Amino acid sequence: MYEYLNRNQNVPQHPNQMIHHQPQPNMNNAPVNGGNGAMHSPRSSDALEKQDELDARRRMKNRERVRKCRKRKQDRLNYLEDRNNELEKENSELKTKIMRRGDGSPINKAMTEEALMELRAKQTNTLQLIQAIVNEGMMSFEASAKSVWTPNATIMDGVTGEKLTNIDSIVENKRISASVFSNYKIKNFSVEWQGHEKAMVKWDIEASLRPNAPSSIVLSSPFHQLAPHYNNEMFPFYMVSHLTFNGDKVTEEVRFIDVAKLLAVVAPKVREPAKLLDVVNAVASTSL
């Protein structure tokens, strides 16, 4: 009977106590699982951050590649545009040279005899107009200059290299040349055609000089050097012009004074040896 009582004392009084003690083995596993989860979370976060960083770098590299590709394309486009402009300019210059040629180029070969005769007549009229407007004075020269020269026409001294580079400078040079020449007349001219667009013109000119002629006027050599020795005294001289035409207008002129004939005219009029030497030196400065 005592044994029975003792066994009863060991039995739990409440059934819940059994439920409370039975899950202990499972609860012992919970901290382990919980502990393992706590250890893996930071690693997963670091991995995600690294992946984001790699993605960001990849996007940045892609953007840089796109930028460089666009820049290369734009640079290439700019180069092609510049090259196209250069080629157009070269083409224009070549066309101008072809138009100026008188050596049997294709454009000249295509001209019929009738067309050539018509062109020669127009070019001869241009030479006659030059003679007229030079002799008539400044107003006539300025009014008719555009009928004689192209807008970018040049007139150059074949010895000194002095040059007028457009029609405005040609008109202005005519105006200021009055400070060198008190009189300037083209008496006559003869022409020798060289090809379809070129001609050699020999001008027979009579002029007088102002004593105090300035030395700064383009195309005035050797006349401003001779001016101190001649006081408005008329004398003849001869000039050769090599002309290039564009149609019926002059686009280029290269001038040469006939030095030998000029010396033959001016030297006999100088009696003092020192002055004669000055005259000879002045004229010789314009010879080849």
C-alpha atoms as a PDB file:
ATOM      1  CA  MET A   1       0.000   0.000   0.000  1.00  0.00           C
ATOM      2  CA  TYR A   2       2.846   2.389   0.688  1.00  0.00           C
ATOM      3  CA  GLU A   3       4.339   1.408  -2.621  1.00  0.00           C
ATOM      4  CA  TYR A   4       1.194   2.322  -4.389  1.00  0.00           C
ATOM      5  CA  LEU A   5       1.049   5.670  -2.701  1.00  0.00           C
ATOM      6  CA  ASN A   6       4.638   6.410  -3.612  1.00  0.00           C
ATOM      7  CA  ARG A   7       4.000   5.649  -7.295  1.00  0.00           C
ATOM      8  CA  ASN A   8       1.039   7.991  -7.287  1.00  0.00           C
ATOM      9  CA  GLN A   9       3.177  10.803  -5.962  1.00  0.00           C
ATOM     10  CA  ASN A  10       5.493  10.541  -8.992  1.00  0.00           C
ATOM     11  CA  VAL A  11       2.621  10.926 -11.478  1.00  0.00           C
ATOM     12  CA  PRO A  12       2.127  14.549 -12.634  1.00  0.00           C
ATOM     13  CA  GLN A  13      -0.937  16.136 -11.324  1.00  0.00           C
ATOM     14  CA  HIS A  14      -1.737  18.002 -14.504  1.00  0.00           C
ATOM     15  CA  PRO A  15      -1.668  16.486 -17.990  1.00  0.00           C
ATOM     16  CA  ASN A  16      -0.347  19.747 -19.435  1.00  0.00           C
ATOM     17  CA  GLN A  17       2.905  19.222 -17.655  1.00  0.00           C
ATOM     18  CA  MET A  18       3.537  16.202 -19.894  1.00  0.00           C
ATOM     19  CA  ILE A  19       2.806  18.283 -22.983  1.00  0.00           C
ATOM     20  CA  HIS A  20       5.138  20.898 -21.636  1.00  0.00           C
ATOM     21  CA  HIS A  21       8.070  18.532 -21.189  1.00  0.00           C
ATOM     22  CA  GLN A  22       7.629  16.401 -24.310  1.00  0.00           C
ATOM     23  CA  PRO A  23       8.549  19.054 -26.945  1.00  0.00           C
ATOM     24  CA  GLN A  24      11.931  19.681 -25.295  1.00  0.00           C
ATOM     25  CA  PRO A  25      13.901  17.653 -27.837  1.00  0.00           C
ATOM     26  CA  ASN A  26      12.332  19.725 -30.650  1.00  0.00           C
ATOM     27  CA  MET A  27      12.973  22.961 -28.837  1.00  0.00           C
ATOM     28  CA  ASN A  28      16.571  22.008 -28.499  1.00  0.00           C
ATOM     29  CA  ASN A  29      16.793  22.093 -32.337  1.00  0.00           C
ATOM     30  CA  ALA A  30      15.175  25.542 -32.664  1.00  0.00           C
ATOM     31  CA  PRO A  31      18.136  27.554 -31.446  1.00  0.00           C
ATOM     32  CA  VAL A  32      20.401  25.645 -33.845  1.00  0.00           C
ATOM     33  CA  ASN A  33      18.163  26.424 -36.822  1.00  0.00           C
ATOM     34  CA  GLY A  34      17.686  29.972 -35.634  1.00  0.00           C
ATOM     35  CA  GLY A  35      21.426  30.319 -35.199  1.00  0.00           C
ATOM     36  CA  ASN A  36      22.152  29.035 -38.702  1.00  0.00           C
ATOM     37  CA  GLY A  37      19.675  31.556 -40.257  1.00  0.00           C
ATOM     38  CA  ALA A  38      21.269  34.397 -38.385  1.00  0.00           C
ATOM     39  CA  MET A  39      24.714  33.459 -39.770  1.00  0.00           C
ATOM     40  CA  HIS A  40      23.613  33.289 -43.494  1.00  0.00           C
ATOM     41  CA  SER A  41      21.679  36.633 -43.720  1.00  0.00           C
ATOM     42  CA  PRO A  42      24.714  39.033 -43.872  1.00  0.00           C
ATOM     43  CA  ARG A  43      26.344  36.880 -46.539  1.00  0.00           C
ATOM     44  CA  SER A  44      23.246  37.048 -48.741  1.00  0.00           C
ATOM     45  CA  SER A  45      23.093  40.833 -48.308  1.00  0.00           C
ATOM     46  CA  ASP A  46      26.767  41.229 -49.300  1.00  0.00           C
ATOM     47  CA  ALA A  47      26.235  39.084 -52.367  1.00  0.00           C
ATOM     48  CA  LEU A  48      23.298  41.212 -53.452  1.00  0.00           C
ATOM     49  CA  GLU A  49      25.283  44.401 -52.955  1.00  0.00           C
ATOM     50  CA  LYS A  50      28.156  43.034 -55.013  1.00  0.00           C
ATOM     51  CA  GLN A  51      25.782  42.009 -57.765  1.00  0.00           C
ATOM     52  CA  ASP A  52      24.215  45.476 -57.808  1.00  0.00           C
ATOM     53  CA  GLU A  53      27.662  47.012 -57.998  1.00  0.00           C
ATOM     54  CA  LEU A  54      28.621  44.770 -60.913  1.00  0.00           C
ATOM     55  CA  ASP A  55      25.383  45.618 -62.702  1.00  0.00           C
ATOM     56  CA  ALA A  56      26.015  49.324 -62.185  1.00  0.00           C
ATOM     57  CA  ARG A  57      29.541  49.013 -63.573  1.00  0.00           C
ATOM     58  CA  ARG A  58      28.271  47.051 -66.533  1.00  0.00           C
ATOM     59  CA  ARG A  59      25.658  49.697 -67.288  1.00  0.00           C
ATOM     60  CA  MET A  60      28.291  52.423 -66.984  1.00  0.00           C
ATOM     61  CA  LYS A  61      30.613  50.610 -69.400  1.00  0.00           C
ATOM     62  CA  ASN A  62      27.774  50.125 -71.842  1.00  0.00           C
ATOM     63  CA  ARG A  63      26.925  53.815 -71.703  1.00  0.00           C
ATOM     64  CA  GLU A  64      30.589  54.689 -72.281  1.00  0.00           C
ATOM     65  CA  ARG A  65      30.749  52.341 -75.277  1.00  0.00           C
ATOM     66  CA  VAL A  66      27.627  53.930 -76.736  1.00  0.00           C
ATOM     67  CA  ARG A  67      29.052  57.429 -76.177  1.00  0.00           C
ATOM     68  CA  LYS A  68      32.340  56.535 -77.862  1.00  0.00           C
ATOM     69  CA  CYS A  69      30.531  54.893 -80.755  1.00  0.00           C
ATOM     70  CA  ARG A  70      28.385  57.988 -81.302  1.00  0.00           C
ATOM     71  CA  LYS A  71      31.462  60.221 -81.112  1.00  0.00           C
ATOM     72  CA  ARG A  72      33.275  58.114 -83.717  1.00  0.00           C
ATOM     73  CA  LYS A  73      30.275  58.316 -86.021  1.00  0.00           C
ATOM     74  CA  GLN A  74      30.010  62.093 -85.552  1.00  0.00           C
ATOM     75  CA  ASP A  75      33.750  62.557 -86.154  1.00  0.00           C
ATOM     76  CA  ARG A  76      33.502  60.480 -89.306  1.00  0.00           C
ATOM     77  CA  LEU A  77      30.509  62.497 -90.480  1.00  0.00           C
ATOM     78  CA  ASN A  78      32.375  65.764 -89.837  1.00  0.00           C
ATOM     79  CA  TYR A  79      35.389  64.467 -91.750  1.00  0.00           C
ATOM     80  CA  LEU A  80      33.255  63.437 -94.720  1.00  0.00           C
ATOM     81  CA  GLU A  81      31.511  66.823 -94.779  1.00  0.00           C
ATOM     82  CA  ASP A  82      34.860  68.666 -94.686  1.00  0.00           C
ATOM     83  CA  ARG A  83      36.290  66.441 -97.388  1.00  0.00           C
ATOM     84  CA  ASN A  84      33.222  66.977 -99.547  1.00  0.00           C
ATOM     85  CA  ASN A  85      33.637  70.750 -99.212  1.00  0.00           C
ATOM     86  CA  GLU A  86      37.314  70.454-100.175  1.00  0.00           C
ATOM     87  CA  LEU A  87      36.485  68.382-103.240  1.00  0.00           C
ATOM     88  CA  GLU A  88      33.794  70.841-104.316  1.00  0.00           C
ATOM     89  CA  LYS A  89      36.308  73.686-104.006  1.00  0.00           C
ATOM     90  CA  GLU A  90      38.934  71.758-105.998  1.00  0.00           C
ATOM     91  CA  ASN A  91      36.345  70.949-108.633  1.00  0.00           C
ATOM     92  CA  SER A  92      35.403  74.607-108.928  1.00  0.00           C
ATOM     93  CA  GLU A  93      39.066  75.611-109.290  1.00  0.00           C
ATOM     94  CA  LEU A  94      39.617  72.981-111.969  1.00  0.00           C
ATOM     95  CA  LYS A  95      36.594  74.238-113.897  1.00  0.00           C
ATOM     96  CA  THR A  96      37.997  77.774-113.715  1.00  0.00           C
ATOM     97  CA  LYS A  97      41.377  76.604-114.999  1.00  0.00           C
ATOM     98  CA  ILE A  98      39.731  74.738-117.863  1.00  0.00           C
ATOM     99  CA  MET A  99      37.762  77.857-118.776  1.00  0.00           C
ATOM    100  CA  ARG A 100      41.003  79.864-118.808  1.00  0.00           C
ATOM    101  CA  ARG A 101      42.985  77.408-120.921  1.00  0.00           C
ATOM    102  CA  GLY A 102      43.677  78.224-124.512  1.00  0.00           C
ATOM    103  CA  ASP A 103      45.813  75.238-125.464  1.00  0.00           C
ATOM    104  CA  GLY A 104      43.237  73.037-127.145  1.00  0.00           C
ATOM    105  CA  SER A 105      41.369  71.812-124.097  1.00  0.00           C
ATOM    106  CA  PRO A 106      38.107  69.868-124.644  1.00  0.00           C
ATOM    107  CA  ILE A 107      35.932  72.909-124.014  1.00  0.00           C
ATOM    108  CA  ASN A 108      37.805  74.815-126.721  1.00  0.00           C
ATOM    109  CA  LYS A 109      37.769  71.923-129.174  1.00  0.00           C
ATOM    110  CA  ALA A 110      34.002  71.828-128.930  1.00  0.00           C
ATOM    111  CA  MET A 111      33.732  75.400-130.271  1.00  0.00           C
ATOM    112  CA  THR A 112      32.760  75.760-133.885  1.00  0.00           C
ATOM    113  CA  GLU A 113      34.532  78.186-136.186  1.00  0.00           C
ATOM    114  CA  GLU A 114      31.468  80.410-136.144  1.00  0.00           C
ATOM    115  CA  ALA A 115      31.378  80.446-132.335  1.00  0.00           C
ATOM    116  CA  LEU A 116      35.097  81.239-132.215  1.00  0.00           C
ATOM    117  CA  MET A 117      34.702  84.165-134.591  1.00  0.00           C
ATOM    118  CA  GLU A 118      31.842  85.488-132.494  1.00  0.00           C
ATOM    119  CA  LEU A 119      33.950  85.174-129.332  1.00  0.00           C
ATOM    120  CA  ARG A 120      36.906  86.931-130.978  1.00  0.00           C
ATOM    121  CA  ALA A 121      34.651  89.822-131.980  1.00  0.00           C
ATOM    122  CA  LYS A 122      33.440  90.227-128.393  1.00  0.00           C
ATOM    123  CA  GLN A 123      36.976  90.065-127.010  1.00  0.00           C
ATOM    124  CA  THR A 124      38.145  92.663-129.532  1.00  0.00           C
ATOM    125  CA  ASN A 125      35.288  94.930-128.452  1.00  0.00           C
ATOM    126  CA  THR A 126      36.526  94.537-124.866  1.00  0.00           C
ATOM    127  CA  LEU A 127      40.027  95.705-125.869  1.00  0.00           C
ATOM    128  CA  GLN A 128      38.550  98.690-127.699  1.00  0.00           C
ATOM    129  CA  LEU A 129      36.476  99.491-124.622  1.00  0.00           C
ATOM    130  CA  ILE A 130      39.638  99.436-122.471  1.00  0.00           C
ATOM    131  CA  GLN A 131      41.238 101.984-124.796  1.00  0.00           C
ATOM    132  CA  ALA A 132      38.145 104.183-124.699  1.00  0.00           C
ATOM    133  CA  ILE A 133      37.573 104.260-120.941  1.00  0.00           C
ATOM    134  CA  VAL A 134      41.276 104.807-120.179  1.00  0.00           C
ATOM    135  CA  ASN A 135      41.378 107.788-122.536  1.00  0.00           C
ATOM    136  CA  GLU A 136      38.013 109.279-121.544  1.00  0.00           C
ATOM    137  CA  GLY A 137      38.762 109.593-117.841  1.00  0.00           C
ATOM    138  CA  MET A 138      37.690 108.420-114.423  1.00  0.00           C
ATOM    139  CA  MET A 139      33.912 108.664-114.733  1.00  0.00           C
ATOM    140  CA  SER A 140      33.839 106.590-117.898  1.00  0.00           C
ATOM    141  CA  PHE A 141      36.336 104.108-116.453  1.00  0.00           C
ATOM    142  CA  GLU A 142      34.307 103.549-113.295  1.00  0.00           C
ATOM    143  CA  ALA A 143      31.018 103.236-115.183  1.00  0.00           C
ATOM    144  CA  SER A 144      32.298 100.651-117.674  1.00  0.00           C
ATOM    145  CA  ALA A 145      34.825  98.667-115.619  1.00  0.00           C
ATOM    146  CA  LYS A 146      32.389  95.820-114.948  1.00  0.00           C
ATOM    147  CA  SER A 147      31.934  95.362-118.687  1.00  0.00           C
ATOM    148  CA  VAL A 148      35.685  94.788-119.082  1.00  0.00           C
ATOM    149  CA  TRP A 149      36.891  92.831-116.033  1.00  0.00           C
ATOM    150  CA  THR A 150      35.454  89.948-114.042  1.00  0.00           C
ATOM    151  CA  PRO A 151      34.782  90.650-110.331  1.00  0.00           C
ATOM    152  CA  ASN A 152      37.967  88.851-109.215  1.00  0.00           C
ATOM    153  CA  ALA A 153      40.183  89.916-112.110  1.00  0.00           C
ATOM    154  CA  THR A 154      43.888  90.459-111.436  1.00  0.00           C
ATOM    155  CA  ILE A 155      46.421  92.848-112.974  1.00  0.00           C
ATOM    156  CA  MET A 156      50.067  92.125-112.176  1.00  0.00           C
ATOM    157  CA  ASP A 157      53.429  93.687-112.984  1.00  0.00           C
ATOM    158  CA  GLY A 158      55.393  90.858-114.604  1.00  0.00           C
ATOM    159  CA  VAL A 159      58.694  92.072-113.101  1.00  0.00           C
ATOM    160  CA  THR A 160      57.974  93.520-109.659  1.00  0.00           C
ATOM    161  CA  GLY A 161      55.066  91.169-108.871  1.00  0.00           C
ATOM    162  CA  GLU A 162      52.848  94.036-107.718  1.00  0.00           C
ATOM    163  CA  LYS A 163      49.214  93.042-108.142  1.00  0.00           C
ATOM    164  CA  LEU A 164      45.642  94.315-108.128  1.00  0.00           C
ATOM    165  CA  THR A 165      43.298  91.543-107.059  1.00  0.00           C
ATOM    166  CA  ASN A 166      39.713  92.537-107.921  1.00  0.00           C
ATOM    167  CA  ILE A 167      37.678  95.011-109.901  1.00  0.00           C
ATOM    168  CA  ASP A 168      37.335  97.453-106.991  1.00  0.00           C
ATOM    169  CA  SER A 169      41.111  97.683-106.589  1.00  0.00           C
ATOM    170  CA  ILE A 170      41.484  98.156-110.363  1.00  0.00           C
ATOM    171  CA  VAL A 171      39.077 101.108-110.318  1.00  0.00           C
ATOM    172  CA  GLU A 172      40.737 102.621-107.246  1.00  0.00           C
ATOM    173  CA  ASN A 173      44.196 102.236-108.788  1.00  0.00           C
ATOM    174  CA  LYS A 174      43.024 104.147-111.846  1.00  0.00           C
ATOM    175  CA  ARG A 175      41.815 106.943-109.559  1.00  0.00           C
ATOM    176  CA  ILE A 176      45.026 107.337-107.541  1.00  0.00           C
ATOM    177  CA  SER A 177      47.275 106.913-110.593  1.00  0.00           C
ATOM    178  CA  ALA A 178      46.335 110.491-111.453  1.00  0.00           C
ATOM    179  CA  SER A 179      48.905 111.523-108.821  1.00  0.00           C
ATOM    180  CA  VAL A 180      51.628 109.922-111.000  1.00  0.00           C
ATOM    181  CA  PHE A 181      50.374 110.648-114.536  1.00  0.00           C
ATOM    182  CA  SER A 182      49.142 114.088-115.471  1.00  0.00           C
ATOM    183  CA  ASN A 183      48.177 112.595-118.831  1.00  0.00           C
ATOM    184  CA  TYR A 184      47.810 108.983-120.030  1.00  0.00           C
ATOM    185  CA  LYS A 185      46.488 108.015-123.457  1.00  0.00           C
ATOM    186  CA  ILE A 186      46.380 104.730-125.362  1.00  0.00           C
ATOM    187  CA  LYS A 187      47.083 105.742-128.954  1.00  0.00           C
ATOM    188  CA  ASN A 188      46.783 102.306-130.502  1.00  0.00           C
ATOM    189  CA  PHE A 189      47.067  98.576-129.848  1.00  0.00           C
ATOM    190  CA  SER A 190      47.675  95.332-131.694  1.00  0.00           C
ATOM    191  CA  VAL A 191      46.658  91.844-130.606  1.00  0.00           C
ATOM    192  CA  GLU A 192      48.051  88.366-131.156  1.00  0.00           C
ATOM    193  CA  TRP A 193      45.598  85.619-130.196  1.00  0.00           C
ATOM    194  CA  GLN A 194      47.035  82.642-128.344  1.00  0.00           C
ATOM    195  CA  GLY A 195      44.478  79.906-128.089  1.00  0.00           C
ATOM    196  CA  HIS A 196      40.800  80.598-127.608  1.00  0.00           C
ATOM    197  CA  GLU A 197      40.998  82.466-124.304  1.00  0.00           C
ATOM    198  CA  LYS A 198      44.410  84.153-124.352  1.00  0.00           C
ATOM    199  CA  ALA A 199      45.952  87.081-126.148  1.00  0.00           C
ATOM    200  CA  MET A 200      49.133  89.143-126.196  1.00  0.00           C
ATOM    201  CA  VAL A 201      48.330  92.839-126.598  1.00  0.00           C
ATOM    202  CA  LYS A 202      50.898  95.519-127.464  1.00  0.00           C
ATOM    203  CA  TRP A 203      49.810  98.952-126.264  1.00  0.00           C
ATOM    204  CA  ASP A 204      51.144 102.155-127.834  1.00  0.00           C
ATOM    205  CA  ILE A 205      50.853 104.749-125.042  1.00  0.00           C
ATOM    206  CA  GLU A 206      51.677 108.423-124.583  1.00  0.00           C
ATOM    207  CA  ALA A 207      51.957 109.921-121.094  1.00  0.00           C
ATOM    208  CA  SER A 208      53.250 112.790-118.996  1.00  0.00           C
ATOM    209  CA  LEU A 209      54.350 112.665-115.357  1.00  0.00           C
ATOM    210  CA  ARG A 210      53.823 114.823-112.298  1.00  0.00           C
ATOM    211  CA  PRO A 211      57.123 116.010-110.755  1.00  0.00           C
ATOM    212  CA  ASN A 212      56.217 114.947-107.223  1.00  0.00           C
ATOM    213  CA  ALA A 213      54.724 111.564-108.068  1.00  0.00           C
ATOM    214  CA  PRO A 214      54.451 109.303-104.982  1.00  0.00           C
ATOM    215  CA  SER A 215      56.257 105.963-104.944  1.00  0.00           C
ATOM    216  CA  SER A 216      53.461 104.080-103.163  1.00  0.00           C
ATOM    217  CA  ILE A 217      51.124 103.626-106.143  1.00  0.00           C
ATOM    218  CA  VAL A 218      50.897 100.010-107.336  1.00  0.00           C
ATOM    219  CA  LEU A 219      51.917  99.438-110.979  1.00  0.00           C
ATOM    220  CA  SER A 220      53.546 102.887-111.257  1.00  0.00           C
ATOM    221  CA  SER A 221      57.154 101.687-111.748  1.00  0.00           C
ATOM    222  CA  PRO A 222      59.360 102.986-113.309  1.00  0.00           C
ATOM    223  CA  PHE A 223      57.364 106.147-113.869  1.00  0.00           C
ATOM    224  CA  HIS A 224      57.438 107.528-110.341  1.00  0.00           C
ATOM    225  CA  GLN A 225      61.261 107.161-110.485  1.00  0.00           C
ATOM    226  CA  LEU A 226      61.346 109.100-113.767  1.00  0.00           C
ATOM    227  CA  ALA A 227      58.948 111.812-112.597  1.00  0.00           C
ATOM    228  CA  PRO A 228      61.576 114.140-111.037  1.00  0.00           C
ATOM    229  CA  HIS A 229      63.345 114.380-114.416  1.00  0.00           C
ATOM    230  CA  TYR A 230      60.237 115.281-116.448  1.00  0.00           C
ATOM    231  CA  ASN A 231      57.881 118.140-115.749  1.00  0.00           C
ATOM    232  CA  ASN A 232      54.628 117.272-117.526  1.00  0.00           C
ATOM    233  CA  GLU A 233      56.530 116.513-120.717  1.00  0.00           C
ATOM    234  CA  MET A 234      54.750 114.032-122.989  1.00  0.00           C
ATOM    235  CA  PHE A 235      56.690 110.934-124.041  1.00  0.00           C
ATOM    236  CA  PRO A 236      55.709 107.640-125.690  1.00  0.00           C
ATOM    237  CA  PHE A 237      56.240 104.164-124.295  1.00  0.00           C
ATOM    238  CA  TYR A 238      55.119 100.648-125.083  1.00  0.00           C
ATOM    239  CA  MET A 239      53.591  98.012-122.846  1.00  0.00           C
ATOM    240  CA  VAL A 240      52.869  94.338-123.495  1.00  0.00           C
ATOM    241  CA  SER A 241      49.922  92.679-121.727  1.00  0.00           C
ATOM    242  CA  HIS A 242      49.360  88.943-121.580  1.00  0.00           C
ATOM    243  CA  LEU A 243      45.595  88.622-121.142  1.00  0.00           C
ATOM    244  CA  THR A 244      43.374  85.733-120.131  1.00  0.00           C
ATOM    245  CA  PHE A 245      39.681  86.002-120.932  1.00  0.00           C
ATOM    246  CA  ASN A 246      36.656  84.437-119.312  1.00  0.00           C
ATOM    247  CA  GLY A 247      34.230  84.701-122.177  1.00  0.00           C
ATOM    248  CA  ASP A 248      34.505  88.301-123.352  1.00  0.00           C
ATOM    249  CA  LYS A 249      35.800  89.696-120.039  1.00  0.00           C
ATOM    250  CA  VAL A 250      39.380  89.944-118.837  1.00  0.00           C
ATOM    251  CA  THR A 251      40.128  87.781-115.825  1.00  0.00           C
ATOM    252  CA  GLU A 252      43.931  88.145-115.723  1.00  0.00           C
ATOM    253  CA  GLU A 253      46.541  90.557-117.063  1.00  0.00           C
ATOM    254  CA  VAL A 254      50.332  90.407-116.715  1.00  0.00           C
ATOM    255  CA  ARG A 255      52.101  93.614-117.803  1.00  0.00           C
ATOM    256  CA  PHE A 256      55.624  94.243-119.089  1.00  0.00           C
ATOM    257  CA  ILE A 257      57.063  97.656-120.008  1.00  0.00           C
ATOM    258  CA  ASP A 258      59.216  97.676-123.145  1.00  0.00           C
ATOM    259  CA  VAL A 259      62.347  98.904-121.367  1.00  0.00           C
ATOM    260  CA  ALA A 260      64.567  99.238-124.429  1.00  0.00           C
ATOM    261  CA  LYS A 261      62.123 101.530-126.231  1.00  0.00           C
ATOM    262  CA  LEU A 262      61.511 103.539-123.064  1.00  0.00           C
ATOM    263  CA  LEU A 263      65.245 104.169-122.609  1.00  0.00           C
ATOM    264  CA  ALA A 264      65.588 105.105-126.250  1.00  0.00           C
ATOM    265  CA  VAL A 265      62.971 107.801-125.717  1.00  0.00           C
ATOM    266  CA  VAL A 266      63.912 109.266-122.326  1.00  0.00           C
ATOM    267  CA  ALA A 267      67.714 109.013-122.273  1.00  0.00           C
ATOM    268  CA  PRO A 268      68.439 111.565-125.051  1.00  0.00           C
ATOM    269  CA  LYS A 269      66.466 114.194-123.167  1.00  0.00           C
ATOM    270  CA  VAL A 270      68.752 114.029-120.124  1.00  0.00           C
ATOM    271  CA  ARG A 271      71.947 116.062-120.552  1.00  0.00           C
ATOM    272  CA  GLU A 272      73.459 115.748-117.063  1.00  0.00           C
ATOM    273  CA  PRO A 273      75.395 112.475-116.595  1.00  0.00           C
ATOM    274  CA  ALA A 274      74.285 112.056-112.975  1.00  0.00           C
ATOM    275  CA  LYS A 275      70.625 112.399-113.913  1.00  0.00           C
ATOM    276  CA  LEU A 276      71.095 110.087-116.862  1.00  0.00           C
ATOM    277  CA  LEU A 277      72.424 107.408-114.522  1.00  0.00           C
ATOM    278  CA  ASP A 278      69.358 107.854-112.308  1.00  0.00           C
ATOM    279  CA  VAL A 279      67.086 107.486-115.318  1.00  0.00           C
ATOM    280  CA  VAL A 280      68.867 104.367-116.544  1.00  0.00           C
ATOM    281  CA  ASN A 281      68.708 102.799-113.072  1.00  0.00           C
ATOM    282  CA  ALA A 282      65.014 103.641-112.747  1.00  0.00           C
ATOM    283  CA  VAL A 283      64.146 102.049-116.062  1.00  0.00           C
ATOM    284  CA  ALA A 284      66.435  99.072-115.489  1.00  0.00           C
ATOM    285  CA  SER A 285      64.628  98.324-112.219  1.00  0.00           C
ATOM    286  CA  THR A 286      61.624  97.199-114.252  1.00  0.00           C
ATOM    287  CA  SER A 287      63.550  94.930-116.636  1.00  0.00           C
ATOM    288  CA  LEU A 288      63.781  91.160-116.299  1.00  0.00           C
END
